[in-house]
Amino acid sequence: VADSFRSRFRGFMFAKRPPSGTGILCVFPKTARYPVHT
């Protein structure tokens, strides 16, 4: 779970490809159209 700005911003940055079944659930402060970067 990524529920802070920092954890959402970091996401999978600098990581090696994770194994199947791995994910990150980003929790936003409110419902909106939040952009994503890779």
PDB file of all heavy atoms in Angstrom:
ATOM      1  N   VAL A   1       0.850  -1.190   0.000  1.00  0.00           N
ATOM      2  CA  VAL A   1       0.000   0.000   0.000  1.00  0.00           C
ATOM      3  C   VAL A   1       0.889   1.245   0.000  1.00  0.00           C
ATOM      4  O   VAL A   1       1.806   1.353   0.813  1.00  0.00           O
ATOM      5  CB  VAL A   1      -0.946   0.017   1.214  1.00  0.00           C
ATOM      6  CG1 VAL A   1      -1.746   1.308   1.260  1.00  0.00           C
ATOM      7  CG2 VAL A   1      -1.875  -1.189   1.170  1.00  0.00           C
ATOM      8  N   ALA A   2       0.607   2.163  -0.920  1.00  0.00           N
ATOM      9  CA  ALA A   2       1.314   3.438  -1.007  1.00  0.00           C
ATOM     10  C   ALA A   2       0.295   4.532  -0.697  1.00  0.00           C
ATOM     11  O   ALA A   2      -0.513   4.892  -1.550  1.00  0.00           O
ATOM     12  CB  ALA A   2       1.915   3.616  -2.394  1.00  0.00           C
ATOM     13  N   ASP A   3       0.335   5.034   0.539  1.00  0.00           N
ATOM     14  CA  ASP A   3      -0.679   6.006   0.947  1.00  0.00           C
ATOM     15  C   ASP A   3      -0.110   7.376   1.306  1.00  0.00           C
ATOM     16  O   ASP A   3      -0.815   8.232   1.821  1.00  0.00           O
ATOM     17  CB  ASP A   3      -1.512   5.462   2.107  1.00  0.00           C
ATOM     18  CG  ASP A   3      -0.669   5.044   3.288  1.00  0.00           C
ATOM     19  OD1 ASP A   3       0.570   5.197   3.245  1.00  0.00           O
ATOM     20  OD2 ASP A   3      -1.249   4.553   4.269  1.00  0.00           O
ATOM     21  N   SER A   4       1.171   7.592   1.011  1.00  0.00           N
ATOM     22  CA  SER A   4       1.770   8.911   1.209  1.00  0.00           C
ATOM     23  C   SER A   4       2.257   9.425  -0.145  1.00  0.00           C
ATOM     24  O   SER A   4       2.454   8.639  -1.085  1.00  0.00           O
ATOM     25  CB  SER A   4       2.949   8.838   2.180  1.00  0.00           C
ATOM     26  OG  SER A   4       4.028   8.127   1.600  1.00  0.00           O
ATOM     27  N   PHE A   5       2.455  10.735  -0.234  1.00  0.00           N
ATOM     28  CA  PHE A   5       2.944  11.291  -1.501  1.00  0.00           C
ATOM     29  C   PHE A   5       4.244  10.614  -1.914  1.00  0.00           C
ATOM     30  O   PHE A   5       4.415  10.216  -3.058  1.00  0.00           O
ATOM     31  CB  PHE A   5       3.146  12.815  -1.394  1.00  0.00           C
ATOM     32  CG  PHE A   5       3.774  13.395  -2.634  1.00  0.00           C
ATOM     33  CD1 PHE A   5       2.997  13.653  -3.751  1.00  0.00           C
ATOM     34  CD2 PHE A   5       5.137  13.642  -2.696  1.00  0.00           C
ATOM     35  CE1 PHE A   5       3.568  14.159  -4.906  1.00  0.00           C
ATOM     36  CE2 PHE A   5       5.718  14.144  -3.842  1.00  0.00           C
ATOM     37  CZ  PHE A   5       4.931  14.408  -4.952  1.00  0.00           C
ATOM     38  N   ARG A   6       5.153  10.473  -0.963  1.00  0.00           N
ATOM     39  CA  ARG A   6       6.465   9.891  -1.267  1.00  0.00           C
ATOM     40  C   ARG A   6       6.353   8.448  -1.770  1.00  0.00           C
ATOM     41  O   ARG A   6       6.980   8.076  -2.752  1.00  0.00           O
ATOM     42  CB  ARG A   6       7.336   9.955  -0.021  1.00  0.00           C
ATOM     43  CG  ARG A   6       8.720   9.489  -0.251  1.00  0.00           C
ATOM     44  CD  ARG A   6       9.551   9.629   0.996  1.00  0.00           C
ATOM     45  NE  ARG A   6      10.923   9.260   0.700  1.00  0.00           N
ATOM     46  CZ  ARG A   6      11.910   9.505   1.478  1.00  0.00           C
ATOM     47  NH1 ARG A   6      11.717  10.124   2.613  1.00  0.00           N
ATOM     48  NH2 ARG A   6      13.117   9.120   1.150  1.00  0.00           N
ATOM     49  N   SER A   7       5.557   7.631  -1.091  1.00  0.00           N
ATOM     50  CA  SER A   7       5.442   6.228  -1.511  1.00  0.00           C
ATOM     51  C   SER A   7       4.728   6.094  -2.857  1.00  0.00           C
ATOM     52  O   SER A   7       5.081   5.237  -3.663  1.00  0.00           O
ATOM     53  CB  SER A   7       4.743   5.394  -0.434  1.00  0.00           C
ATOM     54  OG  SER A   7       3.431   5.846  -0.197  1.00  0.00           O
ATOM     55  N   ARG A   8       3.733   6.959  -3.118  1.00  0.00           N
ATOM     56  CA  ARG A   8       3.066   6.930  -4.435  1.00  0.00           C
ATOM     57  C   ARG A   8       4.025   7.391  -5.524  1.00  0.00           C
ATOM     58  O   ARG A   8       4.055   6.825  -6.610  1.00  0.00           O
ATOM     59  CB  ARG A   8       1.822   7.813  -4.424  1.00  0.00           C
ATOM     60  CG  ARG A   8       0.674   7.264  -3.632  1.00  0.00           C
ATOM     61  CD  ARG A   8      -0.593   8.075  -3.825  1.00  0.00           C
ATOM     62  NE  ARG A   8      -0.446   9.479  -3.496  1.00  0.00           N
ATOM     63  CZ  ARG A   8      -0.698  10.019  -2.303  1.00  0.00           C
ATOM     64  NH1 ARG A   8      -1.117   9.246  -1.309  1.00  0.00           N
ATOM     65  NH2 ARG A   8      -0.547  11.313  -2.102  1.00  0.00           N
ATOM     66  N   PHE A   9       4.792   8.436  -5.250  1.00  0.00           N
ATOM     67  CA  PHE A   9       5.724   8.975  -6.242  1.00  0.00           C
ATOM     68  C   PHE A   9       6.799   7.950  -6.585  1.00  0.00           C
ATOM     69  O   PHE A   9       7.157   7.788  -7.735  1.00  0.00           O
ATOM     70  CB  PHE A   9       6.374  10.258  -5.709  1.00  0.00           C
ATOM     71  CG  PHE A   9       7.292  10.918  -6.701  1.00  0.00           C
ATOM     72  CD1 PHE A   9       6.768  11.682  -7.734  1.00  0.00           C
ATOM     73  CD2 PHE A   9       8.668  10.781  -6.613  1.00  0.00           C
ATOM     74  CE1 PHE A   9       7.599  12.297  -8.657  1.00  0.00           C
ATOM     75  CE2 PHE A   9       9.504  11.383  -7.531  1.00  0.00           C
ATOM     76  CZ  PHE A   9       8.976  12.152  -8.562  1.00  0.00           C
ATOM     77  N   ARG A  10       7.289   7.250  -5.593  1.00  0.00           N
ATOM     78  CA  ARG A  10       8.365   6.279  -5.812  1.00  0.00           C
ATOM     79  C   ARG A  10       7.879   5.053  -6.584  1.00  0.00           C
ATOM     80  O   ARG A  10       8.520   4.607  -7.520  1.00  0.00           O
ATOM     81  CB  ARG A  10       8.960   5.849  -4.480  1.00  0.00           C
ATOM     82  CG  ARG A  10       9.948   4.735  -4.646  1.00  0.00           C
ATOM     83  CD  ARG A  10      11.255   5.028  -4.081  1.00  0.00           C
ATOM     84  NE  ARG A  10      12.195   4.009  -4.549  1.00  0.00           N
ATOM     85  CZ  ARG A  10      13.213   3.616  -3.874  1.00  0.00           C
ATOM     86  NH1 ARG A  10      13.457   4.147  -2.714  1.00  0.00           N
ATOM     87  NH2 ARG A  10      14.006   2.697  -4.358  1.00  0.00           N
ATOM     88  N   GLY A  11       6.759   4.480  -6.183  1.00  0.00           N
ATOM     89  CA  GLY A  11       6.215   3.321  -6.891  1.00  0.00           C
ATOM     90  C   GLY A  11       7.264   2.258  -7.156  1.00  0.00           C
ATOM     91  O   GLY A  11       7.943   1.794  -6.256  1.00  0.00           O
ATOM     92  N   PHE A  12       7.414   1.894  -8.427  1.00  0.00           N
ATOM     93  CA  PHE A  12       8.386   0.877  -8.844  1.00  0.00           C
ATOM     94  C   PHE A  12       9.707   1.485  -9.319  1.00  0.00           C
ATOM     95  O   PHE A  12      10.528   0.795  -9.918  1.00  0.00           O
ATOM     96  CB  PHE A  12       7.813   0.029  -9.990  1.00  0.00           C
ATOM     97  CG  PHE A  12       6.821  -1.023  -9.560  1.00  0.00           C
ATOM     98  CD1 PHE A  12       5.539  -1.038 -10.079  1.00  0.00           C
ATOM     99  CD2 PHE A  12       7.169  -2.015  -8.668  1.00  0.00           C
ATOM    100  CE1 PHE A  12       4.622  -2.015  -9.719  1.00  0.00           C
ATOM    101  CE2 PHE A  12       6.270  -2.992  -8.297  1.00  0.00           C
ATOM    102  CZ  PHE A  12       4.993  -2.998  -8.826  1.00  0.00           C
ATOM    103  N   MET A  13       9.934   2.787  -9.056  1.00  0.00           N
ATOM    104  CA  MET A  13      11.184   3.405  -9.513  1.00  0.00           C
ATOM    105  C   MET A  13      12.391   2.650  -8.971  1.00  0.00           C
ATOM    106  O   MET A  13      12.406   2.242  -7.810  1.00  0.00           O
ATOM    107  CB  MET A  13      11.284   4.873  -9.062  1.00  0.00           C
ATOM    108  CG  MET A  13      10.523   5.819  -9.924  1.00  0.00           C
ATOM    109  SD  MET A  13      10.934   7.576  -9.707  1.00  0.00           S
ATOM    110  CE  MET A  13      11.000   7.822  -7.976  1.00  0.00           C
ATOM    111  N   PHE A  14      13.383   2.482  -9.813  1.00  0.00           N
ATOM    112  CA  PHE A  14      14.677   1.863  -9.490  1.00  0.00           C
ATOM    113  C   PHE A  14      14.580   0.376  -9.150  1.00  0.00           C
ATOM    114  O   PHE A  14      15.586  -0.238  -8.827  1.00  0.00           O
ATOM    115  CB  PHE A  14      15.378   2.602  -8.338  1.00  0.00           C
ATOM    116  CG  PHE A  14      15.534   4.081  -8.579  1.00  0.00           C
ATOM    117  CD1 PHE A  14      14.795   4.987  -7.836  1.00  0.00           C
ATOM    118  CD2 PHE A  14      16.385   4.545  -9.554  1.00  0.00           C
ATOM    119  CE1 PHE A  14      14.925   6.347  -8.040  1.00  0.00           C
ATOM    120  CE2 PHE A  14      16.524   5.919  -9.782  1.00  0.00           C
ATOM    121  CZ  PHE A  14      15.793   6.809  -9.019  1.00  0.00           C
ATOM    122  N   ALA A  15      13.408  -0.197  -9.203  1.00  0.00           N
ATOM    123  CA  ALA A  15      13.242  -1.611  -8.850  1.00  0.00           C
ATOM    124  C   ALA A  15      13.514  -2.512 -10.051  1.00  0.00           C
ATOM    125  O   ALA A  15      13.334  -2.113 -11.195  1.00  0.00           O
ATOM    126  CB  ALA A  15      11.822  -1.856  -8.347  1.00  0.00           C
ATOM    127  N   LYS A  16      13.935  -3.731  -9.757  1.00  0.00           N
ATOM    128  CA  LYS A  16      14.001  -4.756 -10.793  1.00  0.00           C
ATOM    129  C   LYS A  16      12.579  -5.242 -11.006  1.00  0.00           C
ATOM    130  O   LYS A  16      11.716  -5.085 -10.143  1.00  0.00           O
ATOM    131  CB  LYS A  16      14.877  -5.913 -10.342  1.00  0.00           C
ATOM    132  CG  LYS A  16      16.324  -5.527 -10.178  1.00  0.00           C
ATOM    133  CD  LYS A  16      17.130  -6.714  -9.719  1.00  0.00           C
ATOM    134  CE  LYS A  16      18.569  -6.300  -9.516  1.00  0.00           C
ATOM    135  NZ  LYS A  16      19.385  -7.380  -8.981  1.00  0.00           N
ATOM    136  N   ARG A  17      12.337  -5.867 -12.161  1.00  0.00           N
ATOM    137  CA  ARG A  17      10.991  -6.365 -12.436  1.00  0.00           C
ATOM    138  C   ARG A  17      10.564  -7.328 -11.330  1.00  0.00           C
ATOM    139  O   ARG A  17      11.221  -8.340 -11.090  1.00  0.00           O
ATOM    140  CB  ARG A  17      10.935  -7.056 -13.792  1.00  0.00           C
ATOM    141  CG  ARG A  17       9.524  -7.471 -14.156  1.00  0.00           C
ATOM    142  CD  ARG A  17       9.471  -8.145 -15.521  1.00  0.00           C
ATOM    143  NE  ARG A  17       8.124  -8.561 -15.781  1.00  0.00           N
ATOM    144  CZ  ARG A  17       7.225  -7.835 -16.423  1.00  0.00           C
ATOM    145  NH1 ARG A  17       7.543  -6.652 -16.876  1.00  0.00           N
ATOM    146  NH2 ARG A  17       6.004  -8.288 -16.623  1.00  0.00           N
ATOM    147  N   PRO A  18       9.458  -7.017 -10.637  1.00  0.00           N
ATOM    148  CA  PRO A  18       9.010  -7.884  -9.548  1.00  0.00           C
ATOM    149  C   PRO A  18       8.371  -9.169 -10.075  1.00  0.00           C
ATOM    150  O   PRO A  18       7.957  -9.235 -11.232  1.00  0.00           O
ATOM    151  CB  PRO A  18       7.984  -7.026  -8.811  1.00  0.00           C
ATOM    152  CG  PRO A  18       7.506  -6.047  -9.814  1.00  0.00           C
ATOM    153  CD  PRO A  18       8.622  -5.834 -10.792  1.00  0.00           C
ATOM    154  N   PRO A  19       8.280 -10.174  -9.223  1.00  0.00           N
ATOM    155  CA  PRO A  19       7.650 -11.426  -9.659  1.00  0.00           C
ATOM    156  C   PRO A  19       6.150 -11.251  -9.910  1.00  0.00           C
ATOM    157  O   PRO A  19       5.529 -10.300  -9.433  1.00  0.00           O
ATOM    158  CB  PRO A  19       7.907 -12.374  -8.492  1.00  0.00           C
ATOM    159  CG  PRO A  19       8.221 -11.514  -7.327  1.00  0.00           C
ATOM    160  CD  PRO A  19       8.763 -10.225  -7.861  1.00  0.00           C
ATOM    161  N   SER A  20       5.591 -12.185 -10.651  1.00  0.00           N
ATOM    162  CA  SER A  20       4.160 -12.185 -10.923  1.00  0.00           C
ATOM    163  C   SER A  20       3.389 -12.163  -9.613  1.00  0.00           C
ATOM    164  O   SER A  20       3.779 -12.795  -8.638  1.00  0.00           O
ATOM    165  CB  SER A  20       3.812 -13.441 -11.727  1.00  0.00           C
ATOM    166  OG  SER A  20       2.447 -13.466 -12.031  1.00  0.00           O
ATOM    167  N   GLY A  21       2.297 -11.407  -9.589  1.00  0.00           N
ATOM    168  CA  GLY A  21       1.470 -11.324  -8.399  1.00  0.00           C
ATOM    169  C   GLY A  21       1.816 -10.164  -7.489  1.00  0.00           C
ATOM    170  O   GLY A  21       1.157  -9.942  -6.484  1.00  0.00           O
ATOM    171  N   THR A  22       2.862  -9.414  -7.845  1.00  0.00           N
ATOM    172  CA  THR A  22       3.285  -8.272  -7.045  1.00  0.00           C
ATOM    173  C   THR A  22       2.634  -7.000  -7.576  1.00  0.00           C
ATOM    174  O   THR A  22       2.478  -6.831  -8.781  1.00  0.00           O
ATOM    175  CB  THR A  22       4.822  -8.124  -7.102  1.00  0.00           C
ATOM    176  OG1 THR A  22       5.412  -9.324  -6.647  1.00  0.00           O
ATOM    177  CG2 THR A  22       5.301  -6.966  -6.268  1.00  0.00           C
ATOM    178  N   GLY A  23       2.256  -6.100  -6.672  1.00  0.00           N
ATOM    179  CA  GLY A  23       1.662  -4.845  -7.103  1.00  0.00           C
ATOM    180  C   GLY A  23       1.778  -3.769  -6.045  1.00  0.00           C
ATOM    181  O   GLY A  23       2.207  -4.032  -4.913  1.00  0.00           O
ATOM    182  N   ILE A  24       1.405  -2.563  -6.430  1.00  0.00           N
ATOM    183  CA  ILE A  24       1.366  -1.432  -5.512  1.00  0.00           C
ATOM    184  C   ILE A  24      -0.028  -0.820  -5.617  1.00  0.00           C
ATOM    185  O   ILE A  24      -0.493  -0.498  -6.709  1.00  0.00           O
ATOM    186  CB  ILE A  24       2.427  -0.373  -5.872  1.00  0.00           C
ATOM    187  CG1 ILE A  24       3.829  -0.963  -5.764  1.00  0.00           C
ATOM    188  CG2 ILE A  24       2.281   0.861  -4.977  1.00  0.00           C
ATOM    189  CD1 ILE A  24       4.928  -0.043  -6.250  1.00  0.00           C
ATOM    190  N   LEU A  25      -0.687  -0.668  -4.470  1.00  0.00           N
ATOM    191  CA  LEU A  25      -1.990  -0.029  -4.431  1.00  0.00           C
ATOM    192  C   LEU A  25      -1.798   1.401  -3.928  1.00  0.00           C
ATOM    193  O   LEU A  25      -1.471   1.617  -2.763  1.00  0.00           O
ATOM    194  CB  LEU A  25      -2.959  -0.774  -3.515  1.00  0.00           C
ATOM    195  CG  LEU A  25      -4.362  -0.173  -3.432  1.00  0.00           C
ATOM    196  CD1 LEU A  25      -5.078  -0.271  -4.778  1.00  0.00           C
ATOM    197  CD2 LEU A  25      -5.170  -0.829  -2.336  1.00  0.00           C
ATOM    198  N   CYS A  26      -1.959   2.360  -4.835  1.00  0.00           N
ATOM    199  CA  CYS A  26      -1.837   3.775  -4.482  1.00  0.00           C
ATOM    200  C   CYS A  26      -3.184   4.272  -3.976  1.00  0.00           C
ATOM    201  O   CYS A  26      -4.206   4.091  -4.645  1.00  0.00           O
ATOM    202  CB  CYS A  26      -1.419   4.593  -5.700  1.00  0.00           C
ATOM    203  SG  CYS A  26       0.185   4.122  -6.363  1.00  0.00           S
ATOM    204  N   VAL A  27      -3.161   4.875  -2.796  1.00  0.00           N
ATOM    205  CA  VAL A  27      -4.370   5.432  -2.192  1.00  0.00           C
ATOM    206  C   VAL A  27      -4.249   6.947  -2.287  1.00  0.00           C
ATOM    207  O   VAL A  27      -3.334   7.539  -1.711  1.00  0.00           O
ATOM    208  CB  VAL A  27      -4.500   5.000  -0.718  1.00  0.00           C
ATOM    209  CG1 VAL A  27      -5.761   5.580  -0.108  1.00  0.00           C
ATOM    210  CG2 VAL A  27      -4.470   3.483  -0.599  1.00  0.00           C
ATOM    211  N   PHE A  28      -5.161   7.564  -3.011  1.00  0.00           N
ATOM    212  CA  PHE A  28      -5.113   9.008  -3.203  1.00  0.00           C
ATOM    213  C   PHE A  28      -5.947   9.724  -2.145  1.00  0.00           C
ATOM    214  O   PHE A  28      -6.924   9.166  -1.635  1.00  0.00           O
ATOM    215  CB  PHE A  28      -5.618   9.363  -4.608  1.00  0.00           C
ATOM    216  CG  PHE A  28      -4.808   8.755  -5.710  1.00  0.00           C
ATOM    217  CD1 PHE A  28      -5.385   7.892  -6.624  1.00  0.00           C
ATOM    218  CD2 PHE A  28      -3.461   9.041  -5.841  1.00  0.00           C
ATOM    219  CE1 PHE A  28      -4.645   7.330  -7.650  1.00  0.00           C
ATOM    220  CE2 PHE A  28      -2.700   8.478  -6.864  1.00  0.00           C
ATOM    221  CZ  PHE A  28      -3.295   7.625  -7.763  1.00  0.00           C
ATOM    222  N   PRO A  29      -5.595  10.986  -1.827  1.00  0.00           N
ATOM    223  CA  PRO A  29      -6.343  11.718  -0.796  1.00  0.00           C
ATOM    224  C   PRO A  29      -7.788  11.997  -1.170  1.00  0.00           C
ATOM    225  O   PRO A  29      -8.652  12.084  -0.304  1.00  0.00           O
ATOM    226  CB  PRO A  29      -5.564  13.018  -0.624  1.00  0.00           C
ATOM    227  CG  PRO A  29      -4.525  13.047  -1.667  1.00  0.00           C
ATOM    228  CD  PRO A  29      -4.468  11.717  -2.327  1.00  0.00           C
ATOM    229  N   LYS A  30      -8.070  12.139  -2.445  1.00  0.00           N
ATOM    230  CA  LYS A  30      -9.446  12.342  -2.903  1.00  0.00           C
ATOM    231  C   LYS A  30      -9.577  11.777  -4.306  1.00  0.00           C
ATOM    232  O   LYS A  30      -8.589  11.462  -4.955  1.00  0.00           O
ATOM    233  CB  LYS A  30      -9.827  13.828  -2.880  1.00  0.00           C
ATOM    234  CG  LYS A  30      -8.982  14.677  -3.785  1.00  0.00           C
ATOM    235  CD  LYS A  30      -9.398  16.132  -3.686  1.00  0.00           C
ATOM    236  CE  LYS A  30      -8.536  16.957  -4.656  1.00  0.00           C
ATOM    237  NZ  LYS A  30      -8.907  18.345  -4.684  1.00  0.00           N
ATOM    238  N   THR A  31     -10.795  11.633  -4.784  1.00  0.00           N
ATOM    239  CA  THR A  31     -11.021  11.126  -6.127  1.00  0.00           C
ATOM    240  C   THR A  31     -10.693  12.223  -7.130  1.00  0.00           C
ATOM    241  O   THR A  31     -11.217  13.324  -7.048  1.00  0.00           O
ATOM    242  CB  THR A  31     -12.481  10.675  -6.287  1.00  0.00           C
ATOM    243  OG1 THR A  31     -12.737   9.638  -5.332  1.00  0.00           O
ATOM    244  CG2 THR A  31     -12.756  10.155  -7.685  1.00  0.00           C
ATOM    245  N   ALA A  32      -9.789  11.915  -8.047  1.00  0.00           N
ATOM    246  CA  ALA A  32      -9.367  12.879  -9.065  1.00  0.00           C
ATOM    247  C   ALA A  32      -8.648  12.132 -10.190  1.00  0.00           C
ATOM    248  O   ALA A  32      -8.527  10.906 -10.149  1.00  0.00           O
ATOM    249  CB  ALA A  32      -8.454  13.938  -8.456  1.00  0.00           C
ATOM    250  N   ARG A  33      -8.168  12.869 -11.181  1.00  0.00           N
ATOM    251  CA  ARG A  33      -7.431  12.281 -12.309  1.00  0.00           C
ATOM    252  C   ARG A  33      -5.933  12.444 -12.059  1.00  0.00           C
ATOM    253  O   ARG A  33      -5.292  13.341 -12.588  1.00  0.00           O
ATOM    254  CB  ARG A  33      -7.843  12.972 -13.602  1.00  0.00           C
ATOM    255  CG  ARG A  33      -9.270  12.682 -14.017  1.00  0.00           C
ATOM    256  CD  ARG A  33      -9.700  13.472 -15.231  1.00  0.00           C
ATOM    257  NE  ARG A  33      -8.738  13.425 -16.289  1.00  0.00           N
ATOM    258  CZ  ARG A  33      -8.492  14.436 -17.118  1.00  0.00           C
ATOM    259  NH1 ARG A  33      -9.129  15.579 -16.999  1.00  0.00           N
ATOM    260  NH2 ARG A  33      -7.605  14.322 -18.070  1.00  0.00           N
ATOM    261  N   TYR A  34      -5.360  11.588 -11.247  1.00  0.00           N
ATOM    262  CA  TYR A  34      -3.952  11.685 -10.880  1.00  0.00           C
ATOM    263  C   TYR A  34      -3.064  11.119 -11.989  1.00  0.00           C
ATOM    264  O   TYR A  34      -3.224   9.970 -12.386  1.00  0.00           O
ATOM    265  CB  TYR A  34      -3.680  10.929  -9.579  1.00  0.00           C
ATOM    266  CG  TYR A  34      -4.354  11.542  -8.386  1.00  0.00           C
ATOM    267  CD1 TYR A  34      -5.578  11.064  -7.941  1.00  0.00           C
ATOM    268  CD2 TYR A  34      -3.773  12.609  -7.728  1.00  0.00           C
ATOM    269  CE1 TYR A  34      -6.203  11.635  -6.836  1.00  0.00           C
ATOM    270  CE2 TYR A  34      -4.397  13.186  -6.625  1.00  0.00           C
ATOM    271  CZ  TYR A  34      -5.606  12.699  -6.194  1.00  0.00           C
ATOM    272  OH  TYR A  34      -6.224  13.269  -5.113  1.00  0.00           O
ATOM    273  N   PRO A  35      -2.101  11.905 -12.463  1.00  0.00           N
ATOM    274  CA  PRO A  35      -1.186  11.406 -13.496  1.00  0.00           C
ATOM    275  C   PRO A  35      -0.163  10.436 -12.905  1.00  0.00           C
ATOM    276  O   PRO A  35       0.103  10.455 -11.705  1.00  0.00           O
ATOM    277  CB  PRO A  35      -0.512  12.675 -14.015  1.00  0.00           C
ATOM    278  CG  PRO A  35      -0.618  13.655 -12.909  1.00  0.00           C
ATOM    279  CD  PRO A  35      -1.849  13.302 -12.131  1.00  0.00           C
ATOM    280  N   VAL A  36       0.395   9.615 -13.769  1.00  0.00           N
ATOM    281  CA  VAL A  36       1.397   8.617 -13.397  1.00  0.00           C
ATOM    282  C   VAL A  36       2.623   8.835 -14.268  1.00  0.00           C
ATOM    283  O   VAL A  36       2.508   9.205 -15.434  1.00  0.00           O
ATOM    284  CB  VAL A  36       0.841   7.188 -13.632  1.00  0.00           C
ATOM    285  CG1 VAL A  36       1.916   6.145 -13.468  1.00  0.00           C
ATOM    286  CG2 VAL A  36      -0.307   6.912 -12.689  1.00  0.00           C
ATOM    287  N   HIS A  37       3.791   8.582 -13.684  1.00  0.00           N
ATOM    288  CA  HIS A  37       5.021   8.618 -14.479  1.00  0.00           C
ATOM    289  C   HIS A  37       5.745   7.285 -14.323  1.00  0.00           C
ATOM    290  O   HIS A  37       5.533   6.561 -13.341  1.00  0.00           O
ATOM    291  CB  HIS A  37       5.938   9.764 -14.027  1.00  0.00           C
ATOM    292  CG  HIS A  37       6.599   9.500 -12.716  1.00  0.00           C
ATOM    293  ND1 HIS A  37       7.780   8.801 -12.615  1.00  0.00           N
ATOM    294  CD2 HIS A  37       6.242   9.809 -11.455  1.00  0.00           C
ATOM    295  CE1 HIS A  37       8.117   8.696 -11.349  1.00  0.00           C
ATOM    296  NE2 HIS A  37       7.188   9.295 -10.618  1.00  0.00           N
ATOM    297  N   THR A  38       6.576   6.977 -15.310  1.00  0.00           N
ATOM    298  CA  THR A  38       7.409   5.782 -15.221  1.00  0.00           C
ATOM    299  C   THR A  38       8.884   6.171 -15.365  1.00  0.00           C
ATOM    300  O   THR A  38       9.676   5.433 -15.940  1.00  0.00           O
ATOM    301  CB  THR A  38       7.007   4.733 -16.283  1.00  0.00           C
ATOM    302  OG1 THR A  38       7.053   5.342 -17.570  1.00  0.00           O
ATOM    303  CG2 THR A  38       5.625   4.172 -16.017  1.00  0.00           C
TER     304      THR A  38
END
